[in-house]
C-alpha atoms as a PDB file:
ATOM      1  CA  MET A   1     -59.070  35.459  -8.585  1.00  0.00           C
ATOM      2  CA  LYS A   2     -56.077  33.398  -7.506  1.00  0.00           C
ATOM      3  CA  LEU A   3     -53.059  33.698  -9.829  1.00  0.00           C
ATOM      4  CA  ARG A   4     -50.393  32.009  -7.705  1.00  0.00           C
ATOM      5  CA  LYS A   5     -49.778  28.283  -8.092  1.00  0.00           C
ATOM      6  CA  LYS A   6     -49.063  26.008  -5.215  1.00  0.00           C
ATOM      7  CA  GLN A   7     -45.436  25.129  -4.725  1.00  0.00           C
ATOM      8  CA  SER A   8     -45.557  22.143  -2.405  1.00  0.00           C
ATOM      9  CA  GLY A   9     -43.080  20.069  -4.235  1.00  0.00           C
ATOM     10  CA  GLN A  10     -40.379  22.754  -4.470  1.00  0.00           C
ATOM     11  CA  GLY A  11     -39.483  22.617  -0.711  1.00  0.00           C
ATOM     12  CA  MET A  12     -38.719  18.907  -0.748  1.00  0.00           C
ATOM     13  CA  THR A  13     -36.470  19.297  -3.813  1.00  0.00           C
ATOM     14  CA  GLU A  14     -34.487  22.077  -2.092  1.00  0.00           C
ATOM     15  CA  TYR A  15     -33.991  19.812   0.959  1.00  0.00           C
ATOM     16  CA  ILE A  16     -32.812  17.031  -1.243  1.00  0.00           C
ATOM     17  CA  LEU A  17     -30.316  19.273  -2.905  1.00  0.00           C
ATOM     18  CA  ILE A  18     -29.053  20.548   0.430  1.00  0.00           C
ATOM     19  CA  VAL A  19     -28.627  16.989   1.817  1.00  0.00           C
ATOM     20  CA  ALA A  20     -26.819  15.997  -1.395  1.00  0.00           C
ATOM     21  CA  LEU A  21     -24.505  18.928  -1.185  1.00  0.00           C
ATOM     22  CA  ILE A  22     -23.770  18.079   2.464  1.00  0.00           C
ATOM     23  CA  ALA A  23     -23.075  14.473   1.634  1.00  0.00           C
ATOM     24  CA  VAL A  24     -20.678  15.463  -1.137  1.00  0.00           C
ATOM     25  CA  ALA A  25     -18.825  17.823   1.183  1.00  0.00           C
ATOM     26  CA  VAL A  26     -18.607  15.122   3.854  1.00  0.00           C
ATOM     27  CA  ILE A  27     -17.184  12.667   1.408  1.00  0.00           C
ATOM     28  CA  VAL A  28     -14.571  15.225   0.112  1.00  0.00           C
ATOM     29  CA  ALA A  29     -13.654  16.064   3.622  1.00  0.00           C
ATOM     30  CA  VAL A  30     -13.149  12.431   4.561  1.00  0.00           C
ATOM     31  CA  ARG A  31     -11.022  11.806   1.500  1.00  0.00           C
ATOM     32  CA  LEU A  32      -8.843  14.857   2.294  1.00  0.00           C
ATOM     33  CA  PHE A  33      -8.505  14.478   5.969  1.00  0.00           C
ATOM     34  CA  GLY A  34      -9.161  10.746   6.706  1.00  0.00           C
ATOM     35  CA  THR A  35      -5.570   9.559   6.619  1.00  0.00           C
ATOM     36  CA  ASN A  36      -4.420  12.409   8.930  1.00  0.00           C
ATOM     37  CA  VAL A  37      -7.301  11.732  11.354  1.00  0.00           C
ATOM     38  CA  THR A  38      -6.384   7.974  11.376  1.00  0.00           C
ATOM     39  CA  LYS A  39      -2.744   8.965  12.063  1.00  0.00           C
ATOM     40  CA  GLY A  40      -3.784  11.158  14.882  1.00  0.00           C
ATOM     41  CA  PHE A  41      -6.070   8.535  16.489  1.00  0.00           C
ATOM     42  CA  ASN A  42      -3.225   5.869  16.201  1.00  0.00           C
ATOM     43  CA  ASN A  43      -0.750   8.281  17.756  1.00  0.00           C
ATOM     44  CA  ALA A  44      -3.153   9.128  20.647  1.00  0.00           C
ATOM     45  CA  ALA A  45      -3.993   5.403  21.156  1.00  0.00           C
ATOM     46  CA  GLY A  46      -0.218   4.525  21.180  1.00  0.00           C
ATOM     47  CA  GLN A  47       0.517   7.110  23.803  1.00  0.00           C
ATOM     48  CA  ILE A  48      -2.327   6.045  25.948  1.00  0.00           C
ATOM     49  CA  SER A  49      -1.403   2.457  25.549  1.00  0.00           C
ATOM     50  CA  SER A  50       2.292   3.110  26.462  1.00  0.00           C
ATOM     51  CA  ASN A  51       1.333   5.232  29.495  1.00  0.00           C
ATOM     52  CA  THR A  52      -1.132   2.704  30.909  1.00  0.00           C
ATOM     53  CA  SER A  53       0.547  -0.616  29.756  1.00  0.00           C
ATOM     54  CA  GLY A  54      -1.168  -3.714  31.336  1.00  0.00           C
ATOM     55  CA  SER A  55      -4.232  -1.795  32.176  1.00  0.00           C
ATOM     56  CA  THR A  56      -7.830  -1.890  30.774  1.00  0.00           C
ATOM     57  CA  ALA A  57      -7.419   1.632  29.303  1.00  0.00           C
ATOM     58  CA  GLY A  58      -4.378   0.485  27.292  1.00  0.00           C
ATOM     59  CA  ASN A  59      -6.303  -2.469  26.005  1.00  0.00           C
ATOM     60  CA  VAL A  60      -9.187  -0.246  24.982  1.00  0.00           C
ATOM     61  CA  ALA A  61      -6.835   2.198  23.184  1.00  0.00           C
ATOM     62  CA  SER A  62      -5.227  -0.772  21.353  1.00  0.00           C
ATOM     63  CA  THR A  63      -8.602  -2.104  20.328  1.00  0.00           C
ATOM     64  CA  ALA A  64      -9.727   1.295  19.164  1.00  0.00           C
ATOM     65  CA  ALA A  65      -6.485   1.833  17.103  1.00  0.00           C
ATOM     66  CA  ASN A  66      -7.128  -1.599  15.452  1.00  0.00           C
ATOM     67  CA  ALA A  67     -10.711  -0.731  14.697  1.00  0.00           C
ATOM     68  CA  VAL A  68      -9.660   2.648  13.051  1.00  0.00           C
ATOM     69  CA  ASN A  69      -7.117   0.704  10.880  1.00  0.00           C
ATOM     70  CA  ALA A  70      -9.660  -1.758   9.796  1.00  0.00           C
ATOM     71  CA  VAL A  71     -12.026   0.969   8.303  1.00  0.00           C
ATOM     72  CA  PRO A  72     -12.312   0.061   4.494  1.00  0.00           C
ATOM     73  CA  GLY A  73     -11.118   2.647   1.965  1.00  0.00           C
ATOM     74  CA  GLN A  74      -8.303   4.005   4.093  1.00  0.00           C
END
């Protein structure tokens, strides 16, 4: 006699909850640290740009800094 029920749907629900919690944690982390990270990237890009003025690396750093500034919600 088998008394245990199959619990096939339970595993999927647990994975969905874990993914949702991770997503919430990422959103909170981006909200808390997003501006600091953007400032750090801009600072690094500015230093690279000033050290290699006129070179391709300087242009790439400037373009990267502009792209980071264009991120919506920041």
